[in-house]
């Protein structure tokens, strides 16, 4: 993971996590962005390339499958949004 922030839910549950994370898995490269991709970043996802999106994760086979400028924009937006949650 990159960066860190402390979170606290209304339920009282709290903890520490990273701003954004990365894992190289057998089938995919996984980016953990911690935001609702479909809701918050639909326009960027539409222009990103060959990816699958989960609630807070982005899955891609290889970097050559995506528009790197759009990916950079998405990573910065997710890290910034997560940093703002910590304040």
PDB file of N, CA and C in Angstrom:
ATOM      1  N   UNK A   1       0.813  -1.178   0.000  1.00  0.00           N
ATOM      2  CA  UNK A   1       0.000   0.000   0.000  1.00  0.00           C
ATOM      3  C   UNK A   1       0.863   1.249   0.000  1.00  0.00           C
ATOM      4  N   UNK A   2       0.255   2.354  -0.373  1.00  0.00           N
ATOM      5  CA  UNK A   2       0.941   3.638  -0.438  1.00  0.00           C
ATOM      6  C   UNK A   2       0.180   4.649   0.406  1.00  0.00           C
ATOM      7  N   UNK A   3       0.876   5.329   1.274  1.00  0.00           N
ATOM      8  CA  UNK A   3       0.252   6.285   2.165  1.00  0.00           C
ATOM      9  C   UNK A   3      -0.544   5.555   3.230  1.00  0.00           C
ATOM     10  N   UNK A   4      -1.119   6.301   4.136  1.00  0.00           N
ATOM     11  CA  UNK A   4      -1.980   5.681   5.132  1.00  0.00           C
ATOM     12  C   UNK A   4      -2.951   6.700   5.700  1.00  0.00           C
ATOM     13  N   UNK A   5      -4.051   6.193   6.202  1.00  0.00           N
ATOM     14  CA  UNK A   5      -5.007   7.050   6.893  1.00  0.00           C
ATOM     15  C   UNK A   5      -5.783   6.241   7.914  1.00  0.00           C
ATOM     16  N   UNK A   6      -6.291   6.946   8.880  1.00  0.00           N
ATOM     17  CA  UNK A   6      -7.107   6.352   9.932  1.00  0.00           C
ATOM     18  C   UNK A   6      -8.566   6.606   9.572  1.00  0.00           C
ATOM     19  N   UNK A   7      -9.403   5.579   9.658  1.00  0.00           N
ATOM     20  CA  UNK A   7     -10.817   5.740   9.346  1.00  0.00           C
ATOM     21  C   UNK A   7     -11.657   5.392  10.571  1.00  0.00           C
ATOM     22  N   UNK A   8     -12.841   5.970  10.604  1.00  0.00           N
ATOM     23  CA  UNK A   8     -13.807   5.668  11.665  1.00  0.00           C
ATOM     24  C   UNK A   8     -15.191   5.719  11.048  1.00  0.00           C
ATOM     25  N   UNK A   9     -15.930   4.611  11.156  1.00  0.00           N
ATOM     26  CA  UNK A   9     -17.288   4.547  10.649  1.00  0.00           C
ATOM     27  C   UNK A   9     -18.267   5.036  11.715  1.00  0.00           C
ATOM     28  N   UNK A  10     -19.459   5.379  11.291  1.00  0.00           N
ATOM     29  CA  UNK A  10     -20.498   5.807  12.230  1.00  0.00           C
ATOM     30  C   UNK A  10     -20.806   4.721  13.257  1.00  0.00           C
ATOM     31  N   UNK A  11     -20.588   3.473  12.882  1.00  0.00           N
ATOM     32  CA  UNK A  11     -20.837   2.354  13.794  1.00  0.00           C
ATOM     33  C   UNK A  11     -19.840   2.299  14.949  1.00  0.00           C
ATOM     34  N   UNK A  12     -18.747   3.067  14.818  1.00  0.00           N
ATOM     35  CA  UNK A  12     -17.706   3.059  15.841  1.00  0.00           C
ATOM     36  C   UNK A  12     -16.497   2.241  15.429  1.00  0.00           C
ATOM     37  N   UNK A  13     -16.645   1.405  14.390  1.00  0.00           N
ATOM     38  CA  UNK A  13     -15.500   0.627  13.901  1.00  0.00           C
ATOM     39  C   UNK A  13     -14.460   1.580  13.334  1.00  0.00           C
ATOM     40  N   UNK A  14     -13.200   1.343  13.668  1.00  0.00           N
ATOM     41  CA  UNK A  14     -12.133   2.186  13.143  1.00  0.00           C
ATOM     42  C   UNK A  14     -10.868   1.372  12.940  1.00  0.00           C
ATOM     43  N   UNK A  15      -9.958   1.931  12.170  1.00  0.00           N
ATOM     44  CA  UNK A  15      -8.696   1.253  11.900  1.00  0.00           C
ATOM     45  C   UNK A  15      -7.812   2.101  11.010  1.00  0.00           C
ATOM     46  N   UNK A  16      -6.716   1.517  10.596  1.00  0.00           N
ATOM     47  CA  UNK A  16      -5.760   2.176   9.714  1.00  0.00           C
ATOM     48  C   UNK A  16      -5.639   1.375   8.425  1.00  0.00           C
ATOM     49  N   UNK A  17      -5.495   2.066   7.329  1.00  0.00           N
ATOM     50  CA  UNK A  17      -5.332   1.406   6.042  1.00  0.00           C
ATOM     51  C   UNK A  17      -4.512   2.312   5.122  1.00  0.00           C
ATOM     52  N   UNK A  18      -4.240   1.847   3.932  1.00  0.00           N
ATOM     53  CA  UNK A  18      -3.467   2.613   2.954  1.00  0.00           C
ATOM     54  C   UNK A  18      -4.388   3.504   2.116  1.00  0.00           C
ATOM     55  N   UNK A  19      -3.807   4.551   1.506  1.00  0.00           N
ATOM     56  CA  UNK A  19      -4.585   5.417   0.617  1.00  0.00           C
ATOM     57  C   UNK A  19      -4.960   4.669  -0.657  1.00  0.00           C
ATOM     58  N   UNK A  20      -3.973   4.027  -1.280  1.00  0.00           N
ATOM     59  CA  UNK A  20      -4.203   3.162  -2.432  1.00  0.00           C
ATOM     60  C   UNK A  20      -3.235   1.995  -2.323  1.00  0.00           C
ATOM     61  N   UNK A  21      -3.621   0.852  -2.870  1.00  0.00           N
ATOM     62  CA  UNK A  21      -2.776  -0.324  -2.791  1.00  0.00           C
ATOM     63  C   UNK A  21      -2.666  -1.032  -4.131  1.00  0.00           C
ATOM     64  N   UNK A  22      -1.683  -1.931  -4.213  1.00  0.00           N
ATOM     65  CA  UNK A  22      -1.400  -2.654  -5.447  1.00  0.00           C
ATOM     66  C   UNK A  22      -1.024  -4.087  -5.093  1.00  0.00           C
ATOM     67  N   UNK A  23      -1.518  -5.031  -5.854  1.00  0.00           N
ATOM     68  CA  UNK A  23      -1.121  -6.426  -5.697  1.00  0.00           C
ATOM     69  C   UNK A  23      -0.991  -7.065  -7.070  1.00  0.00           C
ATOM     70  N   UNK A  24       0.090  -7.770  -7.264  1.00  0.00           N
ATOM     71  CA  UNK A  24       0.289  -8.531  -8.488  1.00  0.00           C
ATOM     72  C   UNK A  24      -0.178  -9.947  -8.207  1.00  0.00           C
ATOM     73  N   UNK A  25      -1.275 -10.329  -8.822  1.00  0.00           N
ATOM     74  CA  UNK A  25      -1.848 -11.660  -8.609  1.00  0.00           C
ATOM     75  C   UNK A  25      -1.653 -12.503  -9.863  1.00  0.00           C
ATOM     76  N   UNK A  26      -1.941 -13.762  -9.755  1.00  0.00           N
ATOM     77  CA  UNK A  26      -1.721 -14.669 -10.878  1.00  0.00           C
ATOM     78  C   UNK A  26      -2.467 -14.229 -12.136  1.00  0.00           C
ATOM     79  N   UNK A  27      -3.738 -13.888 -12.002  1.00  0.00           N
ATOM     80  CA  UNK A  27      -4.559 -13.563 -13.173  1.00  0.00           C
ATOM     81  C   UNK A  27      -4.557 -12.077 -13.520  1.00  0.00           C
ATOM     82  N   UNK A  28      -4.441 -11.216 -12.521  1.00  0.00           N
ATOM     83  CA  UNK A  28      -4.602  -9.779 -12.748  1.00  0.00           C
ATOM     84  C   UNK A  28      -3.639  -8.959 -11.897  1.00  0.00           C
ATOM     85  N   UNK A  29      -3.496  -7.726 -12.301  1.00  0.00           N
ATOM     86  CA  UNK A  29      -2.917  -6.704 -11.435  1.00  0.00           C
ATOM     87  C   UNK A  29      -4.108  -6.071 -10.735  1.00  0.00           C
ATOM     88  N   UNK A  30      -4.061  -5.943  -9.434  1.00  0.00           N
ATOM     89  CA  UNK A  30      -5.191  -5.416  -8.678  1.00  0.00           C
ATOM     90  C   UNK A  30      -4.795  -4.113  -8.009  1.00  0.00           C
ATOM     91  N   UNK A  31      -5.605  -3.086  -8.230  1.00  0.00           N
ATOM     92  CA  UNK A  31      -5.414  -1.798  -7.582  1.00  0.00           C
ATOM     93  C   UNK A  31      -6.544  -1.606  -6.583  1.00  0.00           C
ATOM     94  N   UNK A  32      -6.187  -1.377  -5.334  1.00  0.00           N
ATOM     95  CA  UNK A  32      -7.169  -1.149  -4.282  1.00  0.00           C
ATOM     96  C   UNK A  32      -7.300   0.357  -4.092  1.00  0.00           C
ATOM     97  N   UNK A  33      -8.442   0.890  -4.459  1.00  0.00           N
ATOM     98  CA  UNK A  33      -8.615   2.339  -4.475  1.00  0.00           C
ATOM     99  C   UNK A  33      -9.521   2.853  -3.367  1.00  0.00           C
ATOM    100  N   UNK A  34     -10.272   1.989  -2.742  1.00  0.00           N
ATOM    101  CA  UNK A  34     -11.072   2.381  -1.587  1.00  0.00           C
ATOM    102  C   UNK A  34     -12.180   3.374  -1.865  1.00  0.00           C
ATOM    103  N   UNK A  35     -12.690   3.388  -3.069  1.00  0.00           N
ATOM    104  CA  UNK A  35     -13.800   4.279  -3.407  1.00  0.00           C
ATOM    105  C   UNK A  35     -14.768   3.507  -4.292  1.00  0.00           C
ATOM    106  N   UNK A  36     -15.957   4.019  -4.443  1.00  0.00           N
ATOM    107  CA  UNK A  36     -16.942   3.375  -5.301  1.00  0.00           C
ATOM    108  C   UNK A  36     -16.654   3.788  -6.740  1.00  0.00           C
ATOM    109  N   UNK A  37     -15.921   2.968  -7.452  1.00  0.00           N
ATOM    110  CA  UNK A  37     -15.462   3.313  -8.798  1.00  0.00           C
ATOM    111  C   UNK A  37     -16.606   3.589  -9.759  1.00  0.00           C
ATOM    112  N   UNK A  38     -17.598   2.723  -9.772  1.00  0.00           N
ATOM    113  CA  UNK A  38     -18.700   2.871 -10.719  1.00  0.00           C
ATOM    114  C   UNK A  38     -19.465   4.166 -10.477  1.00  0.00           C
ATOM    115  N   UNK A  39     -19.618   4.537  -9.238  1.00  0.00           N
ATOM    116  CA  UNK A  39     -20.389   5.730  -8.908  1.00  0.00           C
ATOM    117  C   UNK A  39     -19.557   7.004  -9.028  1.00  0.00           C
ATOM    118  N   UNK A  40     -18.343   6.987  -8.511  1.00  0.00           N
ATOM    119  CA  UNK A  40     -17.537   8.202  -8.418  1.00  0.00           C
ATOM    120  C   UNK A  40     -16.668   8.475  -9.650  1.00  0.00           C
ATOM    121  N   UNK A  41     -16.347   7.422 -10.421  1.00  0.00           N
ATOM    122  CA  UNK A  41     -15.399   7.602 -11.525  1.00  0.00           C
ATOM    123  C   UNK A  41     -15.857   6.923 -12.808  1.00  0.00           C
ATOM    124  N   UNK A  42     -17.132   6.935 -13.077  1.00  0.00           N
ATOM    125  CA  UNK A  42     -17.690   6.254 -14.250  1.00  0.00           C
ATOM    126  C   UNK A  42     -17.102   6.782 -15.555  1.00  0.00           C
ATOM    127  N   UNK A  43     -16.911   8.087 -15.660  1.00  0.00           N
ATOM    128  CA  UNK A  43     -16.390   8.663 -16.907  1.00  0.00           C
ATOM    129  C   UNK A  43     -14.976   8.189 -17.194  1.00  0.00           C
ATOM    130  N   UNK A  44     -14.130   8.150 -16.164  1.00  0.00           N
ATOM    131  CA  UNK A  44     -12.751   7.693 -16.347  1.00  0.00           C
ATOM    132  C   UNK A  44     -12.736   6.211 -16.686  1.00  0.00           C
ATOM    133  N   UNK A  45     -13.549   5.414 -16.010  1.00  0.00           N
ATOM    134  CA  UNK A  45     -13.597   3.974 -16.286  1.00  0.00           C
ATOM    135  C   UNK A  45     -13.975   3.696 -17.736  1.00  0.00           C
ATOM    136  N   UNK A  46     -14.858   4.508 -18.278  1.00  0.00           N
ATOM    137  CA  UNK A  46     -15.311   4.313 -19.662  1.00  0.00           C
ATOM    138  C   UNK A  46     -14.186   4.533 -20.671  1.00  0.00           C
ATOM    139  N   UNK A  47     -13.179   5.313 -20.318  1.00  0.00           N
ATOM    140  CA  UNK A  47     -12.093   5.616 -21.248  1.00  0.00           C
ATOM    141  C   UNK A  47     -10.780   4.942 -20.870  1.00  0.00           C
ATOM    142  N   UNK A  48     -10.792   4.129 -19.827  1.00  0.00           N
ATOM    143  CA  UNK A  48      -9.556   3.554 -19.292  1.00  0.00           C
ATOM    144  C   UNK A  48      -8.974   2.439 -20.143  1.00  0.00           C
ATOM    145  N   UNK A  49      -9.810   1.603 -20.704  1.00  0.00           N
ATOM    146  CA  UNK A  49      -9.314   0.474 -21.493  1.00  0.00           C
ATOM    147  C   UNK A  49      -9.847  -0.833 -20.952  1.00  0.00           C
ATOM    148  N   UNK A  50      -9.076  -1.915 -21.147  1.00  0.00           N
ATOM    149  CA  UNK A  50      -9.502  -3.258 -20.739  1.00  0.00           C
ATOM    150  C   UNK A  50      -9.292  -3.447 -19.236  1.00  0.00           C
ATOM    151  N   UNK A  51     -10.347  -3.182 -18.483  1.00  0.00           N
ATOM    152  CA  UNK A  51     -10.295  -3.343 -17.029  1.00  0.00           C
ATOM    153  C   UNK A  51     -11.615  -3.928 -16.540  1.00  0.00           C
ATOM    154  N   UNK A  52     -11.589  -4.484 -15.337  1.00  0.00           N
ATOM    155  CA  UNK A  52     -12.798  -4.860 -14.620  1.00  0.00           C
ATOM    156  C   UNK A  52     -12.767  -4.067 -13.329  1.00  0.00           C
ATOM    157  N   UNK A  53     -13.909  -3.623 -12.886  1.00  0.00           N
ATOM    158  CA  UNK A  53     -13.973  -2.835 -11.665  1.00  0.00           C
ATOM    159  C   UNK A  53     -14.889  -3.490 -10.656  1.00  0.00           C
ATOM    160  N   UNK A  54     -14.414  -3.588  -9.432  1.00  0.00           N
ATOM    161  CA  UNK A  54     -15.236  -4.005  -8.314  1.00  0.00           C
ATOM    162  C   UNK A  54     -15.657  -2.756  -7.565  1.00  0.00           C
ATOM    163  N   UNK A  55     -16.215  -2.912  -6.391  1.00  0.00           N
ATOM    164  CA  UNK A  55     -16.662  -1.753  -5.624  1.00  0.00           C
ATOM    165  C   UNK A  55     -15.513  -0.779  -5.373  1.00  0.00           C
ATOM    166  N   UNK A  56     -14.384  -1.266  -4.915  1.00  0.00           N
ATOM    167  CA  UNK A  56     -13.250  -0.389  -4.632  1.00  0.00           C
ATOM    168  C   UNK A  56     -11.961  -0.865  -5.252  1.00  0.00           C
ATOM    169  N   UNK A  57     -12.048  -1.840  -6.175  1.00  0.00           N
ATOM    170  CA  UNK A  57     -10.856  -2.422  -6.793  1.00  0.00           C
ATOM    171  C   UNK A  57     -10.921  -2.309  -8.312  1.00  0.00           C
ATOM    172  N   UNK A  58      -9.762  -2.216  -8.885  1.00  0.00           N
ATOM    173  CA  UNK A  58      -9.635  -2.191 -10.337  1.00  0.00           C
ATOM    174  C   UNK A  58      -8.736  -3.354 -10.728  1.00  0.00           C
ATOM    175  N   UNK A  59      -9.180  -4.164 -11.683  1.00  0.00           N
ATOM    176  CA  UNK A  59      -8.432  -5.338 -12.121  1.00  0.00           C
ATOM    177  C   UNK A  59      -8.014  -5.157 -13.575  1.00  0.00           C
ATOM    178  N   UNK A  60      -6.737  -5.371 -13.865  1.00  0.00           N
ATOM    179  CA  UNK A  60      -6.264  -5.306 -15.239  1.00  0.00           C
ATOM    180  C   UNK A  60      -5.236  -6.400 -15.466  1.00  0.00           C
ATOM    181  N   UNK A  61      -5.149  -6.855 -16.691  1.00  0.00           N
ATOM    182  CA  UNK A  61      -4.202  -7.934 -17.022  1.00  0.00           C
ATOM    183  C   UNK A  61      -2.783  -7.392 -17.183  1.00  0.00           C
ATOM    184  N   UNK A  62      -2.654  -6.265 -17.867  1.00  0.00           N
ATOM    185  CA  UNK A  62      -1.325  -5.668 -18.094  1.00  0.00           C
ATOM    186  C   UNK A  62      -1.487  -4.173 -18.296  1.00  0.00           C
ATOM    187  N   UNK A  63      -0.451  -3.437 -17.978  1.00  0.00           N
ATOM    188  CA  UNK A  63      -0.507  -1.980 -18.105  1.00  0.00           C
ATOM    189  C   UNK A  63      -0.710  -1.534 -19.545  1.00  0.00           C
ATOM    190  N   UNK A  64      -0.259  -2.321 -20.490  1.00  0.00           N
ATOM    191  CA  UNK A  64      -0.425  -1.942 -21.897  1.00  0.00           C
ATOM    192  C   UNK A  64      -1.890  -1.969 -22.336  1.00  0.00           C
ATOM    193  N   UNK A  65      -2.776  -2.527 -21.500  1.00  0.00           N
ATOM    194  CA  UNK A  65      -4.204  -2.580 -21.817  1.00  0.00           C
ATOM    195  C   UNK A  65      -4.950  -1.304 -21.441  1.00  0.00           C
ATOM    196  N   UNK A  66      -4.299  -0.382 -20.741  1.00  0.00           N
ATOM    197  CA  UNK A  66      -4.996   0.795 -20.229  1.00  0.00           C
ATOM    198  C   UNK A  66      -4.351   2.090 -20.704  1.00  0.00           C
ATOM    199  N   UNK A  67      -5.144   3.135 -20.693  1.00  0.00           N
ATOM    200  CA  UNK A  67      -4.659   4.485 -20.974  1.00  0.00           C
ATOM    201  C   UNK A  67      -3.967   4.976 -19.700  1.00  0.00           C
ATOM    202  N   UNK A  68      -2.662   5.109 -19.754  1.00  0.00           N
ATOM    203  CA  UNK A  68      -1.888   5.428 -18.546  1.00  0.00           C
ATOM    204  C   UNK A  68      -2.208   6.811 -17.974  1.00  0.00           C
ATOM    205  N   UNK A  69      -2.529   7.755 -18.824  1.00  0.00           N
ATOM    206  CA  UNK A  69      -2.887   9.085 -18.311  1.00  0.00           C
ATOM    207  C   UNK A  69      -4.194   9.019 -17.526  1.00  0.00           C
ATOM    208  N   UNK A  70      -5.154   8.264 -18.027  1.00  0.00           N
ATOM    209  CA  UNK A  70      -6.426   8.106 -17.320  1.00  0.00           C
ATOM    210  C   UNK A  70      -6.220   7.324 -16.021  1.00  0.00           C
ATOM    211  N   UNK A  71      -5.348   6.322 -16.053  1.00  0.00           N
ATOM    212  CA  UNK A  71      -5.045   5.559 -14.844  1.00  0.00           C
ATOM    213  C   UNK A  71      -4.389   6.462 -13.802  1.00  0.00           C
ATOM    214  N   UNK A  72      -3.458   7.283 -14.227  1.00  0.00           N
ATOM    215  CA  UNK A  72      -2.799   8.221 -13.311  1.00  0.00           C
ATOM    216  C   UNK A  72      -3.828   9.172 -12.698  1.00  0.00           C
ATOM    217  N   UNK A  73      -4.733   9.673 -13.517  1.00  0.00           N
ATOM    218  CA  UNK A  73      -5.789  10.556 -13.025  1.00  0.00           C
ATOM    219  C   UNK A  73      -6.639   9.843 -11.969  1.00  0.00           C
ATOM    220  N   UNK A  74      -7.010   8.599 -12.234  1.00  0.00           N
ATOM    221  CA  UNK A  74      -7.831   7.824 -11.312  1.00  0.00           C
ATOM    222  C   UNK A  74      -7.095   7.569  -9.995  1.00  0.00           C
ATOM    223  N   UNK A  75      -5.817   7.217 -10.065  1.00  0.00           N
ATOM    224  CA  UNK A  75      -5.031   6.958  -8.855  1.00  0.00           C
ATOM    225  C   UNK A  75      -4.914   8.214  -7.993  1.00  0.00           C
ATOM    226  N   UNK A  76      -4.654   9.347  -8.625  1.00  0.00           N
ATOM    227  CA  UNK A  76      -4.546  10.606  -7.877  1.00  0.00           C
ATOM    228  C   UNK A  76      -5.879  10.978  -7.234  1.00  0.00           C
ATOM    229  N   UNK A  77      -6.962  10.800  -7.982  1.00  0.00           N
ATOM    230  CA  UNK A  77      -8.286  11.134  -7.447  1.00  0.00           C
ATOM    231  C   UNK A  77      -8.640  10.241  -6.264  1.00  0.00           C
ATOM    232  N   UNK A  78      -8.372   8.953  -6.371  1.00  0.00           N
ATOM    233  CA  UNK A  78      -8.683   8.021  -5.287  1.00  0.00           C
ATOM    234  C   UNK A  78      -7.828   8.316  -4.057  1.00  0.00           C
ATOM    235  N   UNK A  79      -6.536   8.543  -4.244  1.00  0.00           N
ATOM    236  CA  UNK A  79      -5.645   8.841  -3.105  1.00  0.00           C
ATOM    237  C   UNK A  79      -6.089  10.147  -2.431  1.00  0.00           C
ATOM    238  N   UNK A  80      -6.440  11.155  -3.231  1.00  0.00           N
ATOM    239  CA  UNK A  80      -6.889  12.421  -2.684  1.00  0.00           C
ATOM    240  C   UNK A  80      -8.190  12.287  -1.915  1.00  0.00           C
ATOM    241  N   UNK A  81      -9.125  11.528  -2.451  1.00  0.00           N
ATOM    242  CA  UNK A  81     -10.408  11.319  -1.776  1.00  0.00           C
ATOM    243  C   UNK A  81     -10.213  10.577  -0.460  1.00  0.00           C
ATOM    244  N   UNK A  82      -9.332   9.579  -0.455  1.00  0.00           N
ATOM    245  CA  UNK A  82      -9.076   8.828   0.763  1.00  0.00           C
ATOM    246  C   UNK A  82      -8.358   9.688   1.800  1.00  0.00           C
ATOM    247  N   UNK A  83      -7.459  10.549   1.357  1.00  0.00           N
ATOM    248  CA  UNK A  83      -6.760  11.444   2.280  1.00  0.00           C
ATOM    249  C   UNK A  83      -7.751  12.427   2.905  1.00  0.00           C
ATOM    250  N   UNK A  84      -8.730  12.889   2.122  1.00  0.00           N
ATOM    251  CA  UNK A  84      -9.742  13.802   2.641  1.00  0.00           C
ATOM    252  C   UNK A  84     -10.648  13.120   3.668  1.00  0.00           C
ATOM    253  N   UNK A  85     -10.892  11.819   3.497  1.00  0.00           N
ATOM    254  CA  UNK A  85     -11.707  11.073   4.455  1.00  0.00           C
ATOM    255  C   UNK A  85     -11.029  11.044   5.828  1.00  0.00           C
ATOM    256  N   UNK A  86      -9.703  11.063   5.819  1.00  0.00           N
ATOM    257  CA  UNK A  86      -8.957  10.944   7.064  1.00  0.00           C
ATOM    258  C   UNK A  86      -9.006  12.209   7.897  1.00  0.00           C
ATOM    259  N   UNK A  87      -9.376  13.316   7.303  1.00  0.00           N
ATOM    260  CA  UNK A  87      -9.356  14.595   8.020  1.00  0.00           C
ATOM    261  C   UNK A  87     -10.628  14.846   8.751  1.00  0.00           C
TER     262      UNK A  87
END
